[in-house]
Structure formats: structure tokens, C-alpha cells
Amino acid sequence: MDEFLANVPWGILKIEAVGGDGDIPDADPDQRSVSANETCVTVAVLHGDFGQVWVRIGKDVAMEEGAVAFSGTIVCPTGMLEISDIVGDTSYLQLPVGADRVEIAVGLDRPEMAEAVIIRLREL
């Protein structure tokens, strides 16, 4: 399990394979807090101008049932996931997942401008 504090420009975290250059799903914080496609997940969080976001990620992280904002799978051909800002200028964390497909569940402390994000991973 890893955790970090991040000042997130644009207020959107991106989760994808390291070196991924696929399509980024439309991120629309006013309509939905999490968007995804087969290669990437975006998570709307507190904009960096207003403060930091706490992120915990791992295979065995606990998550309250009502806090789950997304559950799905993405492809990860490199076997390494990266969490970065939406444009990829700042990489917050890279971690090995050891699988081509990864199930991801995202939990948020609140649906708008989340200040706490929990990401649970499961290799498929």
C-alpha cells in the first residue's frame, strides 16, 4: 500500500499504464466524479489552488461500500500503473501491477472536489 499528498493542477487525477498515450476519457467534474475507458481512469478532485488531496492506493486497502464511485477494469500492457495529473506533467506514483488487466475501484470522501481518494487494485 502507498499513500501520498498531492497538489493537483486542473483538479483531475489520471490513472493509466506507464507510458500510456491512449485516449483520455472526458473528465467532467460537474457531471461525474470518475470517468473511464479501457486504458485510463480520471478522477475529479480538489483543485490544486484550493489545497492538497490525500491518495491511498493498494491491493488490500479498505473502502467503505458507500464511498465507491467507480469499479471497472483497464488494460495495463506495461505491467506498471501511473497516477499523474490530467496532462501528465506531474507523476505522483508509479507501481508494478504484474498483469495486463487491472481491476480498479475508486472511493471518494465526497462526490465533488474530493480531498481523499482510495484506489483498490486487483490483478486479473
C-alpha atoms as a PDB file:
ATOM      1  CA  MET A   1       0.000   0.000   0.000  1.00  0.00           C
ATOM      2  CA  ASP A   2       1.194   3.503  -0.831  1.00  0.00           C
ATOM      3  CA  GLU A   3      -0.154   6.905   0.033  1.00  0.00           C
ATOM      4  CA  PHE A   4       0.744  10.465  -0.812  1.00  0.00           C
ATOM      5  CA  LEU A   5      -0.439  14.063  -0.674  1.00  0.00           C
ATOM      6  CA  ALA A   6      -0.754  15.866  -3.995  1.00  0.00           C
ATOM      7  CA  ASN A   7      -1.423  19.371  -5.166  1.00  0.00           C
ATOM      8  CA  VAL A   8      -3.390  18.529  -8.324  1.00  0.00           C
ATOM      9  CA  PRO A   9      -3.412  21.151 -11.090  1.00  0.00           C
ATOM     10  CA  TRP A  10      -6.681  21.133 -13.024  1.00  0.00           C
ATOM     11  CA  GLY A  11      -8.243  19.090 -10.184  1.00  0.00           C
ATOM     12  CA  ILE A  12      -8.132  15.789 -12.090  1.00  0.00           C
ATOM     13  CA  LEU A  13      -6.037  12.695 -11.351  1.00  0.00           C
ATOM     14  CA  LYS A  14      -5.243  10.256 -14.170  1.00  0.00           C
ATOM     15  CA  ILE A  15      -4.620   6.514 -13.684  1.00  0.00           C
ATOM     16  CA  GLU A  16      -3.162   4.604 -16.641  1.00  0.00           C
ATOM     17  CA  ALA A  17      -0.301   2.336 -17.692  1.00  0.00           C
ATOM     18  CA  VAL A  18       3.139   3.933 -17.554  1.00  0.00           C
ATOM     19  CA  GLY A  19       3.863   5.351 -20.996  1.00  0.00           C
ATOM     20  CA  GLY A  20       0.211   5.153 -21.937  1.00  0.00           C
ATOM     21  CA  ASP A  21      -0.785   7.504 -24.672  1.00  0.00           C
ATOM     22  CA  GLY A  22      -4.282   6.270 -25.312  1.00  0.00           C
ATOM     23  CA  ASP A  23      -7.468   8.261 -25.251  1.00  0.00           C
ATOM     24  CA  ILE A  24      -8.167  10.049 -22.009  1.00  0.00           C
ATOM     25  CA  PRO A  25     -11.836   9.770 -21.014  1.00  0.00           C
ATOM     26  CA  ASP A  26     -13.778  13.004 -20.846  1.00  0.00           C
ATOM     27  CA  ALA A  27     -13.345  14.457 -17.390  1.00  0.00           C
ATOM     28  CA  ASP A  28     -16.378  16.494 -16.391  1.00  0.00           C
ATOM     29  CA  PRO A  29     -16.339  17.203 -12.642  1.00  0.00           C
ATOM     30  CA  ASP A  30     -19.762  18.878 -12.864  1.00  0.00           C
ATOM     31  CA  GLN A  31     -21.403  15.720 -14.262  1.00  0.00           C
ATOM     32  CA  ARG A  32     -19.468  12.794 -12.710  1.00  0.00           C
ATOM     33  CA  SER A  33     -16.548  12.371 -10.362  1.00  0.00           C
ATOM     34  CA  VAL A  34     -14.932   9.430 -12.206  1.00  0.00           C
ATOM     35  CA  SER A  35     -14.682   8.691 -15.931  1.00  0.00           C
ATOM     36  CA  ALA A  36     -13.032   5.695 -17.573  1.00  0.00           C
ATOM     37  CA  ASN A  37     -12.327   3.864 -20.783  1.00  0.00           C
ATOM     38  CA  GLU A  38     -10.358   0.666 -21.453  1.00  0.00           C
ATOM     39  CA  THR A  39      -6.953   2.305 -20.861  1.00  0.00           C
ATOM     40  CA  CYS A  40      -7.453   5.148 -18.390  1.00  0.00           C
ATOM     41  CA  VAL A  41      -9.407   6.378 -15.369  1.00  0.00           C
ATOM     42  CA  THR A  42      -9.808  10.062 -14.470  1.00  0.00           C
ATOM     43  CA  VAL A  43     -10.864  11.220 -11.012  1.00  0.00           C
ATOM     44  CA  ALA A  44     -12.143  14.720 -10.227  1.00  0.00           C
ATOM     45  CA  VAL A  45     -10.576  16.019  -7.014  1.00  0.00           C
ATOM     46  CA  LEU A  46      -9.945  19.268  -5.182  1.00  0.00           C
ATOM     47  CA  HIS A  47      -8.197  21.744  -7.484  1.00  0.00           C
ATOM     48  CA  GLY A  48      -4.598  22.427  -6.526  1.00  0.00           C
ATOM     49  CA  ASP A  49      -5.373  26.117  -5.994  1.00  0.00           C
ATOM     50  CA  PHE A  50      -7.540  25.161  -3.007  1.00  0.00           C
ATOM     51  CA  GLY A  51      -5.407  22.533  -1.277  1.00  0.00           C
ATOM     52  CA  GLN A  52      -3.919  19.063  -1.363  1.00  0.00           C
ATOM     53  CA  VAL A  53      -5.523  15.702  -1.986  1.00  0.00           C
ATOM     54  CA  TRP A  54      -4.681  12.612   0.058  1.00  0.00           C
ATOM     55  CA  VAL A  55      -4.436   9.413  -2.029  1.00  0.00           C
ATOM     56  CA  ARG A  56      -4.089   5.833  -0.765  1.00  0.00           C
ATOM     57  CA  ILE A  57      -3.564   3.014  -3.274  1.00  0.00           C
ATOM     58  CA  GLY A  58      -3.010  -0.705  -2.913  1.00  0.00           C
ATOM     59  CA  LYS A  59      -4.325  -4.228  -3.266  1.00  0.00           C
ATOM     60  CA  ASP A  60      -5.765  -4.593   0.215  1.00  0.00           C
ATOM     61  CA  VAL A  61      -6.961  -1.107   1.087  1.00  0.00           C
ATOM     62  CA  ALA A  62     -10.233  -0.881   2.959  1.00  0.00           C
ATOM     63  CA  MET A  63     -13.031   1.084   1.363  1.00  0.00           C
ATOM     64  CA  GLU A  64     -16.473   1.851   2.739  1.00  0.00           C
ATOM     65  CA  GLU A  65     -19.190   0.466   0.495  1.00  0.00           C
ATOM     66  CA  GLY A  66     -20.984   3.794   0.075  1.00  0.00           C
ATOM     67  CA  ALA A  67     -17.762   5.566  -0.869  1.00  0.00           C
ATOM     68  CA  VAL A  68     -17.181   3.572  -4.091  1.00  0.00           C
ATOM     69  CA  ALA A  69     -17.503   5.966  -7.029  1.00  0.00           C
ATOM     70  CA  PHE A  70     -16.155   3.583  -9.686  1.00  0.00           C
ATOM     71  CA  SER A  71     -15.337  -0.071 -10.201  1.00  0.00           C
ATOM     72  CA  GLY A  72     -14.027  -1.420 -13.502  1.00  0.00           C
ATOM     73  CA  THR A  73     -11.003  -2.690 -15.413  1.00  0.00           C
ATOM     74  CA  ILE A  74      -8.307  -1.124 -17.550  1.00  0.00           C
ATOM     75  CA  VAL A  75      -5.575  -2.660 -19.680  1.00  0.00           C
ATOM     76  CA  CYS A  76      -2.004  -2.269 -18.492  1.00  0.00           C
ATOM     77  CA  PRO A  77       0.357  -3.729 -21.115  1.00  0.00           C
ATOM     78  CA  THR A  78       3.474  -2.384 -19.352  1.00  0.00           C
ATOM     79  CA  GLY A  79       2.623  -4.026 -16.019  1.00  0.00           C
ATOM     80  CA  MET A  80       3.168  -0.630 -14.343  1.00  0.00           C
ATOM     81  CA  LEU A  81       0.438   1.841 -13.376  1.00  0.00           C
ATOM     82  CA  GLU A  82       0.997   5.559 -13.026  1.00  0.00           C
ATOM     83  CA  ILE A  83      -1.005   8.164 -11.165  1.00  0.00           C
ATOM     84  CA  SER A  84      -0.455  11.659 -12.517  1.00  0.00           C
ATOM     85  CA  ASP A  85      -2.212  14.935 -13.173  1.00  0.00           C
ATOM     86  CA  ILE A  86      -4.539  15.016 -16.183  1.00  0.00           C
ATOM     87  CA  VAL A  87      -1.920  16.350 -18.602  1.00  0.00           C
ATOM     88  CA  GLY A  88       0.816  14.039 -17.320  1.00  0.00           C
ATOM     89  CA  ASP A  89       3.182  16.819 -16.272  1.00  0.00           C
ATOM     90  CA  THR A  90       3.400  15.555 -12.694  1.00  0.00           C
ATOM     91  CA  SER A  91       3.740  11.850 -11.932  1.00  0.00           C
ATOM     92  CA  TYR A  92       2.738  11.222  -8.317  1.00  0.00           C
ATOM     93  CA  LEU A  93       3.328   7.468  -8.183  1.00  0.00           C
ATOM     94  CA  GLN A  94       4.289   4.517 -10.387  1.00  0.00           C
ATOM     95  CA  LEU A  95       3.734   0.984  -9.165  1.00  0.00           C
ATOM     96  CA  PRO A  96       4.029  -2.526 -10.586  1.00  0.00           C
ATOM     97  CA  VAL A  97       0.826  -4.474 -11.041  1.00  0.00           C
ATOM     98  CA  GLY A  98       2.188  -7.565 -12.790  1.00  0.00           C
ATOM     99  CA  ALA A  99      -0.827  -8.067 -15.047  1.00  0.00           C
ATOM    100  CA  ASP A 100      -2.171  -6.998 -18.433  1.00  0.00           C
ATOM    101  CA  ARG A 101      -5.565  -6.131 -16.949  1.00  0.00           C
ATOM    102  CA  VAL A 102      -6.246  -4.495 -13.620  1.00  0.00           C
ATOM    103  CA  GLU A 103      -9.496  -4.128 -11.742  1.00  0.00           C
ATOM    104  CA  ILE A 104      -9.713  -0.696 -10.149  1.00  0.00           C
ATOM    105  CA  ALA A 105     -12.137   0.549  -7.520  1.00  0.00           C
ATOM    106  CA  VAL A 106     -12.102   4.240  -6.621  1.00  0.00           C
ATOM    107  CA  GLY A 107     -13.534   5.566  -3.380  1.00  0.00           C
ATOM    108  CA  LEU A 108     -14.033   9.244  -2.623  1.00  0.00           C
ATOM    109  CA  ASP A 109     -14.727  11.122   0.587  1.00  0.00           C
ATOM    110  CA  ARG A 110     -17.290  13.181  -1.314  1.00  0.00           C
ATOM    111  CA  PRO A 111     -18.549  13.288  -4.916  1.00  0.00           C
ATOM    112  CA  GLU A 112     -17.450  16.855  -5.667  1.00  0.00           C
ATOM    113  CA  MET A 113     -13.928  18.186  -5.164  1.00  0.00           C
ATOM    114  CA  ALA A 114     -12.794  15.089  -3.244  1.00  0.00           C
ATOM    115  CA  GLU A 115      -9.986  15.611  -0.759  1.00  0.00           C
ATOM    116  CA  ALA A 116      -9.437  11.919  -0.045  1.00  0.00           C
ATOM    117  CA  VAL A 117      -9.173   9.202  -2.706  1.00  0.00           C
ATOM    118  CA  ILE A 118      -8.771   5.475  -2.104  1.00  0.00           C
ATOM    119  CA  ILE A 119      -7.786   3.280  -5.053  1.00  0.00           C
ATOM    120  CA  ARG A 120      -8.028  -0.510  -4.678  1.00  0.00           C
ATOM    121  CA  LEU A 121      -6.272  -2.666  -7.282  1.00  0.00           C
ATOM    122  CA  ARG A 122      -6.719  -6.312  -8.228  1.00  0.00           C
ATOM    123  CA  GLU A 123      -4.690  -8.052 -10.906  1.00  0.00           C
ATOM    124  CA  LEU A 124      -6.744 -10.080 -13.385  1.00  0.00           C
END
